[in-house]
């Protein structure tokens, strides 16, 4: 008996000295997964009350604004999405991390979005959460497609922890973004088309901020749309280093989205620069008028 106790004492000591955060991680994972399952069930069952209970306030307003700005009805269109929230119980957890009132779960595996694909590839999905008044709420998800990174997919398949989890983009920010105001019903459903190479751009129009964008092409729905007459577009521009011989380009277009097959979009405004020393901030008028609605 004494010999057995001698063998057990080191194990008992190690258990007593085990880091307390291990239990905290389990509790955090349990809480976050519970919220995600509640949110997922709400989407699948089209349960608006359950969706509001499990979704962050920030995401609720952002979702509402996007639906209304796209000319759709809210809340009728909230569950009209072509994909299904994935089941996470079949995925492998890579990370559960919290920073202040923000947290995330990162999984790897066959992320099934309900698209009836013959083969479901193994990818990474990040689930983001915000804490509101002591309760976790689901905010959003981000799918990382590994089709162009076979070495990362192979490493994950072999049970290795990927280095990208240490990148700032895969770390909870610690800050819950301010909830934007609810937007108006758009007089004209509109979008910004942005090409941004060699610059970082932050745009704002109609009281709503967009970005930041850098070295990318993107079309962004204008929250609240445009109104007849003048609409002020503010651009905050920061030049970035470019490879030798590469050309900079910043082009911003504003388009009206009229929904017709013949001409689904009409460009009413365009501005561009290739300067290495652009203005740090510039406000430009975007006019909606019979003249500009013919296209520029």
C-alpha atoms as a PDB file:
ATOM      1  CA  UNK A   1       0.000   0.000   0.000  1.00  0.00           C
ATOM      2  CA  UNK A   2       2.798   2.419   0.883  1.00  0.00           C
ATOM      3  CA  UNK A   3       4.493   1.670  -2.445  1.00  0.00           C
ATOM      4  CA  UNK A   4       1.238   2.401  -4.313  1.00  0.00           C
ATOM      5  CA  UNK A   5       0.763   5.684  -2.448  1.00  0.00           C
ATOM      6  CA  UNK A   6       4.289   6.721  -3.343  1.00  0.00           C
ATOM      7  CA  UNK A   7       3.469   6.173  -7.007  1.00  0.00           C
ATOM      8  CA  UNK A   8       0.197   8.086  -6.756  1.00  0.00           C
ATOM      9  CA  UNK A   9       1.524  11.123  -4.878  1.00  0.00           C
ATOM     10  CA  UNK A  10       3.353  12.657  -7.875  1.00  0.00           C
ATOM     11  CA  UNK A  11       0.229  12.189 -10.026  1.00  0.00           C
ATOM     12  CA  UNK A  12      -1.965  13.793  -7.382  1.00  0.00           C
ATOM     13  CA  UNK A  13       0.492  16.661  -7.060  1.00  0.00           C
ATOM     14  CA  UNK A  14       0.493  17.221 -10.822  1.00  0.00           C
ATOM     15  CA  UNK A  15      -3.306  17.192 -10.909  1.00  0.00           C
ATOM     16  CA  UNK A  16      -3.463  19.734  -8.100  1.00  0.00           C
ATOM     17  CA  UNK A  17      -0.976  21.949  -9.909  1.00  0.00           C
ATOM     18  CA  UNK A  18      -2.670  21.667 -13.319  1.00  0.00           C
ATOM     19  CA  UNK A  19      -3.340  25.106 -14.824  1.00  0.00           C
ATOM     20  CA  UNK A  20      -6.702  26.521 -13.804  1.00  0.00           C
ATOM     21  CA  UNK A  21      -7.288  27.881 -17.307  1.00  0.00           C
ATOM     22  CA  UNK A  22      -7.727  24.320 -18.611  1.00  0.00           C
ATOM     23  CA  UNK A  23     -11.075  24.083 -16.805  1.00  0.00           C
ATOM     24  CA  UNK A  24     -11.891  27.612 -17.963  1.00  0.00           C
ATOM     25  CA  UNK A  25     -11.238  26.587 -21.581  1.00  0.00           C
ATOM     26  CA  UNK A  26     -13.642  23.677 -21.267  1.00  0.00           C
ATOM     27  CA  UNK A  27     -16.301  25.925 -19.740  1.00  0.00           C
ATOM     28  CA  UNK A  28     -15.784  28.541 -22.460  1.00  0.00           C
ATOM     29  CA  UNK A  29     -15.990  25.964 -25.238  1.00  0.00           C
ATOM     30  CA  UNK A  30     -19.158  24.488 -23.752  1.00  0.00           C
ATOM     31  CA  UNK A  31     -20.798  27.925 -23.489  1.00  0.00           C
ATOM     32  CA  UNK A  32     -19.828  28.989 -27.011  1.00  0.00           C
ATOM     33  CA  UNK A  33     -20.873  25.728 -28.644  1.00  0.00           C
ATOM     34  CA  UNK A  34     -24.219  25.866 -26.841  1.00  0.00           C
ATOM     35  CA  UNK A  35     -24.875  29.358 -28.232  1.00  0.00           C
ATOM     36  CA  UNK A  36     -23.834  28.315 -31.734  1.00  0.00           C
ATOM     37  CA  UNK A  37     -26.175  25.299 -31.689  1.00  0.00           C
ATOM     38  CA  UNK A  38     -29.023  27.550 -30.534  1.00  0.00           C
ATOM     39  CA  UNK A  39     -28.270  29.992 -33.357  1.00  0.00           C
ATOM     40  CA  UNK A  40     -27.954  27.194 -35.930  1.00  0.00           C
ATOM     41  CA  UNK A  41     -31.269  25.629 -34.887  1.00  0.00           C
ATOM     42  CA  UNK A  42     -32.929  29.047 -35.075  1.00  0.00           C
ATOM     43  CA  UNK A  43     -31.738  29.512 -38.676  1.00  0.00           C
ATOM     44  CA  UNK A  44     -32.730  26.003 -39.767  1.00  0.00           C
ATOM     45  CA  UNK A  45     -36.155  26.254 -38.106  1.00  0.00           C
ATOM     46  CA  UNK A  46     -36.633  29.901 -39.190  1.00  0.00           C
ATOM     47  CA  UNK A  47     -37.310  30.893 -35.589  1.00  0.00           C
ATOM     48  CA  UNK A  48     -36.968  34.669 -35.374  1.00  0.00           C
ATOM     49  CA  UNK A  49     -37.268  34.904 -31.584  1.00  0.00           C
ATOM     50  CA  UNK A  50     -34.568  32.267 -31.055  1.00  0.00           C
ATOM     51  CA  UNK A  51     -32.363  33.949 -33.659  1.00  0.00           C
ATOM     52  CA  UNK A  52     -32.570  37.268 -31.803  1.00  0.00           C
ATOM     53  CA  UNK A  53     -31.813  35.596 -28.462  1.00  0.00           C
ATOM     54  CA  UNK A  54     -28.658  33.908 -29.770  1.00  0.00           C
ATOM     55  CA  UNK A  55     -27.331  36.606 -32.146  1.00  0.00           C
ATOM     56  CA  UNK A  56     -25.216  39.595 -31.097  1.00  0.00           C
ATOM     57  CA  UNK A  57     -26.897  42.987 -31.204  1.00  0.00           C
ATOM     58  CA  UNK A  58     -24.226  44.216 -33.587  1.00  0.00           C
ATOM     59  CA  UNK A  59     -24.913  41.397 -36.066  1.00  0.00           C
ATOM     60  CA  UNK A  60     -28.677  41.833 -35.804  1.00  0.00           C
ATOM     61  CA  UNK A  61     -28.471  45.488 -36.876  1.00  0.00           C
ATOM     62  CA  UNK A  62     -25.834  44.839 -39.559  1.00  0.00           C
ATOM     63  CA  UNK A  63     -28.003  42.053 -40.990  1.00  0.00           C
ATOM     64  CA  UNK A  64     -31.097  44.259 -40.942  1.00  0.00           C
ATOM     65  CA  UNK A  65     -29.255  47.118 -42.648  1.00  0.00           C
ATOM     66  CA  UNK A  66     -27.868  44.871 -45.391  1.00  0.00           C
ATOM     67  CA  UNK A  67     -31.295  43.366 -46.112  1.00  0.00           C
ATOM     68  CA  UNK A  68     -33.025  46.753 -46.285  1.00  0.00           C
ATOM     69  CA  UNK A  69     -30.183  48.355 -48.260  1.00  0.00           C
ATOM     70  CA  UNK A  70     -30.492  45.563 -50.824  1.00  0.00           C
ATOM     71  CA  UNK A  71     -34.137  46.451 -51.406  1.00  0.00           C
ATOM     72  CA  UNK A  72     -35.484  43.402 -49.566  1.00  0.00           C
ATOM     73  CA  UNK A  73     -37.968  43.242 -46.708  1.00  0.00           C
ATOM     74  CA  UNK A  74     -36.961  42.728 -43.089  1.00  0.00           C
ATOM     75  CA  UNK A  75     -37.373  40.400 -41.264  1.00  0.00           C
ATOM     76  CA  UNK A  76     -39.015  38.316 -44.018  1.00  0.00           C
ATOM     77  CA  UNK A  77     -35.721  37.835 -45.889  1.00  0.00           C
ATOM     78  CA  UNK A  78     -33.535  37.024 -42.911  1.00  0.00           C
ATOM     79  CA  UNK A  79     -33.598  33.258 -43.453  1.00  0.00           C
ATOM     80  CA  UNK A  80     -33.482  33.389 -47.258  1.00  0.00           C
ATOM     81  CA  UNK A  81     -29.880  32.229 -47.471  1.00  0.00           C
ATOM     82  CA  UNK A  82     -28.559  29.647 -49.956  1.00  0.00           C
ATOM     83  CA  UNK A  83     -26.335  27.857 -47.444  1.00  0.00           C
ATOM     84  CA  UNK A  84     -27.009  25.957 -44.239  1.00  0.00           C
ATOM     85  CA  UNK A  85     -25.032  26.608 -41.051  1.00  0.00           C
ATOM     86  CA  UNK A  86     -22.595  23.701 -40.691  1.00  0.00           C
ATOM     87  CA  UNK A  87     -22.810  21.043 -38.005  1.00  0.00           C
ATOM     88  CA  UNK A  88     -19.665  21.371 -35.876  1.00  0.00           C
ATOM     89  CA  UNK A  89     -19.868  18.136 -33.876  1.00  0.00           C
ATOM     90  CA  UNK A  90     -18.179  16.295 -36.763  1.00  0.00           C
ATOM     91  CA  UNK A  91     -15.303  18.794 -36.943  1.00  0.00           C
ATOM     92  CA  UNK A  92     -12.028  18.873 -35.007  1.00  0.00           C
ATOM     93  CA  UNK A  93     -11.539  21.808 -32.666  1.00  0.00           C
ATOM     94  CA  UNK A  94      -8.271  23.623 -33.342  1.00  0.00           C
ATOM     95  CA  UNK A  95      -8.632  26.500 -30.929  1.00  0.00           C
ATOM     96  CA  UNK A  96     -10.945  28.014 -28.322  1.00  0.00           C
ATOM     97  CA  UNK A  97      -9.781  31.487 -27.381  1.00  0.00           C
ATOM     98  CA  UNK A  98     -11.172  34.487 -25.527  1.00  0.00           C
ATOM     99  CA  UNK A  99      -9.932  38.058 -25.355  1.00  0.00           C
ATOM    100  CA  UNK A 100     -12.098  40.273 -23.194  1.00  0.00           C
ATOM    101  CA  UNK A 101     -15.694  40.316 -24.481  1.00  0.00           C
ATOM    102  CA  UNK A 102     -14.728  38.568 -27.738  1.00  0.00           C
ATOM    103  CA  UNK A 103     -14.042  34.901 -28.403  1.00  0.00           C
ATOM    104  CA  UNK A 104     -13.813  32.368 -31.181  1.00  0.00           C
ATOM    105  CA  UNK A 105     -13.866  28.680 -31.967  1.00  0.00           C
ATOM    106  CA  UNK A 106     -11.746  27.370 -34.838  1.00  0.00           C
ATOM    107  CA  UNK A 107     -12.502  23.977 -36.422  1.00  0.00           C
ATOM    108  CA  UNK A 108     -11.079  21.810 -39.176  1.00  0.00           C
ATOM    109  CA  UNK A 109     -12.882  19.166 -41.184  1.00  0.00           C
ATOM    110  CA  UNK A 110     -15.544  18.645 -43.808  1.00  0.00           C
ATOM    111  CA  UNK A 111     -17.509  21.875 -43.396  1.00  0.00           C
ATOM    112  CA  UNK A 112     -20.910  20.976 -44.860  1.00  0.00           C
ATOM    113  CA  UNK A 113     -22.791  24.077 -46.012  1.00  0.00           C
ATOM    114  CA  UNK A 114     -25.732  22.104 -47.372  1.00  0.00           C
ATOM    115  CA  UNK A 115     -24.890  22.749 -51.028  1.00  0.00           C
ATOM    116  CA  UNK A 116     -25.426  19.117 -52.132  1.00  0.00           C
ATOM    117  CA  UNK A 117     -21.821  18.809 -53.267  1.00  0.00           C
ATOM    118  CA  UNK A 118     -20.652  15.325 -54.199  1.00  0.00           C
ATOM    119  CA  UNK A 119     -17.409  15.833 -52.301  1.00  0.00           C
ATOM    120  CA  UNK A 120     -17.132  18.053 -49.229  1.00  0.00           C
ATOM    121  CA  UNK A 121     -13.527  19.286 -48.893  1.00  0.00           C
ATOM    122  CA  UNK A 122     -11.773  19.709 -45.566  1.00  0.00           C
ATOM    123  CA  UNK A 123     -11.463  23.377 -44.641  1.00  0.00           C
ATOM    124  CA  UNK A 124     -11.193  25.648 -41.613  1.00  0.00           C
ATOM    125  CA  UNK A 125     -14.121  27.543 -40.146  1.00  0.00           C
ATOM    126  CA  UNK A 126     -13.955  30.278 -37.507  1.00  0.00           C
ATOM    127  CA  UNK A 127     -16.992  31.012 -35.326  1.00  0.00           C
ATOM    128  CA  UNK A 128     -16.953  34.437 -33.645  1.00  0.00           C
ATOM    129  CA  UNK A 129     -18.795  35.451 -30.479  1.00  0.00           C
ATOM    130  CA  UNK A 130     -19.406  38.613 -28.427  1.00  0.00           C
ATOM    131  CA  UNK A 131     -20.247  38.811 -24.737  1.00  0.00           C
ATOM    132  CA  UNK A 132     -23.219  41.038 -23.954  1.00  0.00           C
ATOM    133  CA  UNK A 133     -24.127  41.717 -20.314  1.00  0.00           C
ATOM    134  CA  UNK A 134     -22.437  38.511 -19.197  1.00  0.00           C
ATOM    135  CA  UNK A 135     -23.950  36.261 -21.886  1.00  0.00           C
ATOM    136  CA  UNK A 136     -22.226  34.981 -25.021  1.00  0.00           C
ATOM    137  CA  UNK A 137     -23.913  35.679 -28.359  1.00  0.00           C
ATOM    138  CA  UNK A 138     -23.009  34.300 -31.777  1.00  0.00           C
ATOM    139  CA  UNK A 139     -21.814  36.950 -34.209  1.00  0.00           C
ATOM    140  CA  UNK A 140     -20.463  35.521 -37.449  1.00  0.00           C
ATOM    141  CA  UNK A 141     -18.454  32.811 -39.145  1.00  0.00           C
ATOM    142  CA  UNK A 142     -15.570  32.806 -41.566  1.00  0.00           C
ATOM    143  CA  UNK A 143     -14.710  29.908 -43.867  1.00  0.00           C
ATOM    144  CA  UNK A 144     -11.065  29.489 -44.814  1.00  0.00           C
ATOM    145  CA  UNK A 145     -10.922  27.635 -48.121  1.00  0.00           C
ATOM    146  CA  UNK A 146      -7.733  25.567 -48.237  1.00  0.00           C
ATOM    147  CA  UNK A 147      -7.974  24.607 -51.911  1.00  0.00           C
ATOM    148  CA  UNK A 148      -5.033  26.911 -52.699  1.00  0.00           C
ATOM    149  CA  UNK A 149      -3.088  25.798 -49.602  1.00  0.00           C
ATOM    150  CA  UNK A 150      -2.688  22.017 -49.927  1.00  0.00           C
ATOM    151  CA  UNK A 151       0.308  22.016 -47.559  1.00  0.00           C
ATOM    152  CA  UNK A 152      -1.813  23.570 -44.786  1.00  0.00           C
ATOM    153  CA  UNK A 153      -4.616  21.079 -45.399  1.00  0.00           C
ATOM    154  CA  UNK A 154      -2.130  18.198 -45.323  1.00  0.00           C
ATOM    155  CA  UNK A 155      -0.596  19.405 -42.064  1.00  0.00           C
ATOM    156  CA  UNK A 156      -4.024  19.648 -40.465  1.00  0.00           C
ATOM    157  CA  UNK A 157      -4.941  16.189 -41.708  1.00  0.00           C
ATOM    158  CA  UNK A 158      -1.823  14.919 -39.940  1.00  0.00           C
ATOM    159  CA  UNK A 159      -2.898  16.493 -36.671  1.00  0.00           C
ATOM    160  CA  UNK A 160      -0.460  19.419 -36.694  1.00  0.00           C
ATOM    161  CA  UNK A 161      -1.381  22.843 -35.330  1.00  0.00           C
ATOM    162  CA  UNK A 162      -1.211  25.481 -38.076  1.00  0.00           C
ATOM    163  CA  UNK A 163       0.960  28.585 -37.658  1.00  0.00           C
ATOM    164  CA  UNK A 164      -1.777  30.884 -38.967  1.00  0.00           C
ATOM    165  CA  UNK A 165      -3.653  30.600 -35.663  1.00  0.00           C
ATOM    166  CA  UNK A 166      -1.015  32.941 -34.211  1.00  0.00           C
ATOM    167  CA  UNK A 167      -1.759  35.645 -36.788  1.00  0.00           C
ATOM    168  CA  UNK A 168      -3.658  38.741 -35.568  1.00  0.00           C
ATOM    169  CA  UNK A 169      -6.461  37.969 -38.045  1.00  0.00           C
ATOM    170  CA  UNK A 170      -7.102  34.725 -36.139  1.00  0.00           C
ATOM    171  CA  UNK A 171      -7.048  36.295 -32.677  1.00  0.00           C
ATOM    172  CA  UNK A 172     -10.171  37.721 -31.002  1.00  0.00           C
ATOM    173  CA  UNK A 173      -9.763  41.494 -31.067  1.00  0.00           C
ATOM    174  CA  UNK A 174     -10.942  42.144 -27.515  1.00  0.00           C
ATOM    175  CA  UNK A 175     -13.217  44.925 -28.770  1.00  0.00           C
ATOM    176  CA  UNK A 176     -16.887  44.585 -29.692  1.00  0.00           C
ATOM    177  CA  UNK A 177     -17.591  46.976 -32.596  1.00  0.00           C
ATOM    178  CA  UNK A 178     -20.087  49.756 -31.991  1.00  0.00           C
ATOM    179  CA  UNK A 179     -23.568  48.850 -33.156  1.00  0.00           C
ATOM    180  CA  UNK A 180     -24.408  51.038 -36.173  1.00  0.00           C
ATOM    181  CA  UNK A 181     -27.675  52.953 -36.347  1.00  0.00           C
ATOM    182  CA  UNK A 182     -30.544  51.374 -38.236  1.00  0.00           C
ATOM    183  CA  UNK A 183     -30.490  52.631 -41.815  1.00  0.00           C
ATOM    184  CA  UNK A 184     -33.249  54.225 -43.858  1.00  0.00           C
ATOM    185  CA  UNK A 185     -35.053  52.461 -46.654  1.00  0.00           C
ATOM    186  CA  UNK A 186     -32.973  53.259 -49.751  1.00  0.00           C
ATOM    187  CA  UNK A 187     -34.328  55.663 -52.320  1.00  0.00           C
ATOM    188  CA  UNK A 188     -31.851  54.079 -54.752  1.00  0.00           C
ATOM    189  CA  UNK A 189     -30.264  50.691 -54.061  1.00  0.00           C
ATOM    190  CA  UNK A 190     -26.577  51.327 -54.681  1.00  0.00           C
ATOM    191  CA  UNK A 191     -23.059  49.960 -54.260  1.00  0.00           C
ATOM    192  CA  UNK A 192     -19.431  51.022 -54.225  1.00  0.00           C
ATOM    193  CA  UNK A 193     -17.086  49.193 -56.591  1.00  0.00           C
ATOM    194  CA  UNK A 194     -13.510  49.466 -55.360  1.00  0.00           C
ATOM    195  CA  UNK A 195     -10.161  48.502 -56.872  1.00  0.00           C
ATOM    196  CA  UNK A 196      -7.428  49.140 -54.341  1.00  0.00           C
ATOM    197  CA  UNK A 197      -3.832  48.123 -55.136  1.00  0.00           C
ATOM    198  CA  UNK A 198      -0.945  49.826 -53.361  1.00  0.00           C
ATOM    199  CA  UNK A 199      -3.249  51.611 -50.938  1.00  0.00           C
ATOM    200  CA  UNK A 200      -5.260  51.110 -47.778  1.00  0.00           C
ATOM    201  CA  UNK A 201      -8.710  52.657 -48.147  1.00  0.00           C
ATOM    202  CA  UNK A 202     -11.440  53.543 -45.684  1.00  0.00           C
ATOM    203  CA  UNK A 203     -14.614  54.863 -47.281  1.00  0.00           C
ATOM    204  CA  UNK A 204     -17.683  56.428 -45.699  1.00  0.00           C
ATOM    205  CA  UNK A 205     -20.951  57.572 -47.229  1.00  0.00           C
ATOM    206  CA  UNK A 206     -24.372  58.353 -45.795  1.00  0.00           C
ATOM    207  CA  UNK A 207     -23.025  58.213 -42.235  1.00  0.00           C
ATOM    208  CA  UNK A 208     -21.709  54.641 -42.532  1.00  0.00           C
ATOM    209  CA  UNK A 209     -18.076  53.543 -42.608  1.00  0.00           C
ATOM    210  CA  UNK A 210     -16.626  50.806 -44.828  1.00  0.00           C
ATOM    211  CA  UNK A 211     -13.304  49.054 -44.887  1.00  0.00           C
ATOM    212  CA  UNK A 212     -10.470  49.026 -44.389  1.00  0.00           C
ATOM    213  CA  UNK A 213      -9.526  47.556 -47.757  1.00  0.00           C
ATOM    214  CA  UNK A 214      -6.022  46.946 -49.090  1.00  0.00           C
ATOM    215  CA  UNK A 215      -4.752  45.273 -52.269  1.00  0.00           C
ATOM    216  CA  UNK A 216      -8.132  43.911 -53.280  1.00  0.00           C
ATOM    217  CA  UNK A 217     -11.205  44.335 -55.501  1.00  0.00           C
ATOM    218  CA  UNK A 218     -14.616  44.449 -53.881  1.00  0.00           C
ATOM    219  CA  UNK A 219     -18.204  45.584 -54.345  1.00  0.00           C
ATOM    220  CA  UNK A 220     -19.890  46.858 -51.191  1.00  0.00           C
ATOM    221  CA  UNK A 221     -23.587  47.582 -50.824  1.00  0.00           C
ATOM    222  CA  UNK A 222     -24.144  51.193 -49.745  1.00  0.00           C
ATOM    223  CA  UNK A 223     -25.981  51.083 -46.438  1.00  0.00           C
ATOM    224  CA  UNK A 224     -29.176  53.103 -46.766  1.00  0.00           C
ATOM    225  CA  UNK A 225     -28.576  53.528 -50.492  1.00  0.00           C
ATOM    226  CA  UNK A 226     -28.272  56.877 -52.249  1.00  0.00           C
ATOM    227  CA  UNK A 227     -30.726  59.748 -52.426  1.00  0.00           C
ATOM    228  CA  UNK A 228     -31.663  61.974 -55.343  1.00  0.00           C
ATOM    229  CA  UNK A 229     -29.216  64.857 -55.474  1.00  0.00           C
ATOM    230  CA  UNK A 230     -25.850  65.077 -53.714  1.00  0.00           C
ATOM    231  CA  UNK A 231     -24.359  62.292 -51.599  1.00  0.00           C
ATOM    232  CA  UNK A 232     -20.959  62.921 -49.984  1.00  0.00           C
ATOM    233  CA  UNK A 233     -18.353  60.154 -50.264  1.00  0.00           C
ATOM    234  CA  UNK A 234     -15.305  60.457 -47.991  1.00  0.00           C
ATOM    235  CA  UNK A 235     -12.149  58.490 -48.753  1.00  0.00           C
ATOM    236  CA  UNK A 236      -9.284  58.076 -46.289  1.00  0.00           C
ATOM    237  CA  UNK A 237      -6.241  56.911 -48.228  1.00  0.00           C
ATOM    238  CA  UNK A 238      -2.908  55.517 -47.075  1.00  0.00           C
ATOM    239  CA  UNK A 239      -0.286  54.501 -49.668  1.00  0.00           C
ATOM    240  CA  UNK A 240       1.301  51.090 -49.132  1.00  0.00           C
ATOM    241  CA  UNK A 241       4.627  49.717 -50.408  1.00  0.00           C
ATOM    242  CA  UNK A 242       4.411  48.080 -53.835  1.00  0.00           C
ATOM    243  CA  UNK A 243       6.873  45.733 -55.552  1.00  0.00           C
ATOM    244  CA  UNK A 244       9.368  47.395 -57.848  1.00  0.00           C
ATOM    245  CA  UNK A 245       7.813  47.932 -61.261  1.00  0.00           C
ATOM    246  CA  UNK A 246       4.262  47.369 -59.992  1.00  0.00           C
ATOM    247  CA  UNK A 247       1.606  49.982 -60.678  1.00  0.00           C
ATOM    248  CA  UNK A 248      -0.648  51.473 -58.055  1.00  0.00           C
ATOM    249  CA  UNK A 249      -4.353  51.899 -58.697  1.00  0.00           C
ATOM    250  CA  UNK A 250      -7.192  53.196 -56.585  1.00  0.00           C
ATOM    251  CA  UNK A 251     -10.533  53.343 -58.393  1.00  0.00           C
ATOM    252  CA  UNK A 252     -13.887  53.940 -56.731  1.00  0.00           C
ATOM    253  CA  UNK A 253     -17.166  53.705 -58.647  1.00  0.00           C
ATOM    254  CA  UNK A 254     -20.694  54.245 -57.385  1.00  0.00           C
ATOM    255  CA  UNK A 255     -23.399  52.251 -59.159  1.00  0.00           C
ATOM    256  CA  UNK A 256     -27.171  52.131 -58.998  1.00  0.00           C
ATOM    257  CA  UNK A 257     -28.593  48.609 -58.847  1.00  0.00           C
ATOM    258  CA  UNK A 258     -31.895  48.636 -60.701  1.00  0.00           C
ATOM    259  CA  UNK A 259     -32.440  44.895 -61.007  1.00  0.00           C
ATOM    260  CA  UNK A 260     -33.158  44.807 -64.755  1.00  0.00           C
ATOM    261  CA  UNK A 261     -31.640  42.096 -66.949  1.00  0.00           C
ATOM    262  CA  UNK A 262     -30.762  44.577 -69.655  1.00  0.00           C
ATOM    263  CA  UNK A 263     -28.766  46.894 -67.376  1.00  0.00           C
ATOM    264  CA  UNK A 264     -28.550  45.563 -63.798  1.00  0.00           C
ATOM    265  CA  UNK A 265     -26.094  48.274 -62.750  1.00  0.00           C
ATOM    266  CA  UNK A 266     -25.557  51.872 -63.862  1.00  0.00           C
ATOM    267  CA  UNK A 267     -22.338  53.669 -62.962  1.00  0.00           C
ATOM    268  CA  UNK A 268     -23.114  57.199 -61.832  1.00  0.00           C
ATOM    269  CA  UNK A 269     -19.730  58.169 -60.378  1.00  0.00           C
ATOM    270  CA  UNK A 270     -16.065  57.306 -60.822  1.00  0.00           C
ATOM    271  CA  UNK A 271     -12.812  58.530 -59.283  1.00  0.00           C
ATOM    272  CA  UNK A 272      -9.291  57.152 -59.463  1.00  0.00           C
ATOM    273  CA  UNK A 273      -5.661  57.871 -58.672  1.00  0.00           C
ATOM    274  CA  UNK A 274      -2.277  56.261 -59.212  1.00  0.00           C
ATOM    275  CA  UNK A 275      -0.379  58.784 -57.125  1.00  0.00           C
ATOM    276  CA  UNK A 276       2.216  57.671 -54.573  1.00  0.00           C
ATOM    277  CA  UNK A 277       1.233  60.726 -52.528  1.00  0.00           C
ATOM    278  CA  UNK A 278      -2.579  60.827 -52.649  1.00  0.00           C
ATOM    279  CA  UNK A 279      -4.615  63.057 -50.348  1.00  0.00           C
ATOM    280  CA  UNK A 280      -4.886  61.544 -46.882  1.00  0.00           C
ATOM    281  CA  UNK A 281      -8.602  62.363 -46.915  1.00  0.00           C
ATOM    282  CA  UNK A 282     -10.902  63.641 -49.612  1.00  0.00           C
ATOM    283  CA  UNK A 283     -14.675  64.206 -49.799  1.00  0.00           C
ATOM    284  CA  UNK A 284     -16.269  63.807 -53.207  1.00  0.00           C
ATOM    285  CA  UNK A 285     -19.856  64.532 -54.300  1.00  0.00           C
ATOM    286  CA  UNK A 286     -21.809  61.633 -55.764  1.00  0.00           C
ATOM    287  CA  UNK A 287     -24.817  62.965 -57.661  1.00  0.00           C
ATOM    288  CA  UNK A 288     -27.945  61.007 -58.477  1.00  0.00           C
ATOM    289  CA  UNK A 289     -29.691  62.916 -61.262  1.00  0.00           C
ATOM    290  CA  UNK A 290     -31.373  62.240 -64.612  1.00  0.00           C
ATOM    291  CA  UNK A 291     -28.007  62.916 -66.259  1.00  0.00           C
ATOM    292  CA  UNK A 292     -25.900  60.581 -64.128  1.00  0.00           C
ATOM    293  CA  UNK A 293     -28.578  57.877 -64.199  1.00  0.00           C
ATOM    294  CA  UNK A 294     -27.866  57.501 -67.894  1.00  0.00           C
ATOM    295  CA  UNK A 295     -24.380  56.341 -66.904  1.00  0.00           C
ATOM    296  CA  UNK A 296     -20.927  57.915 -66.685  1.00  0.00           C
END
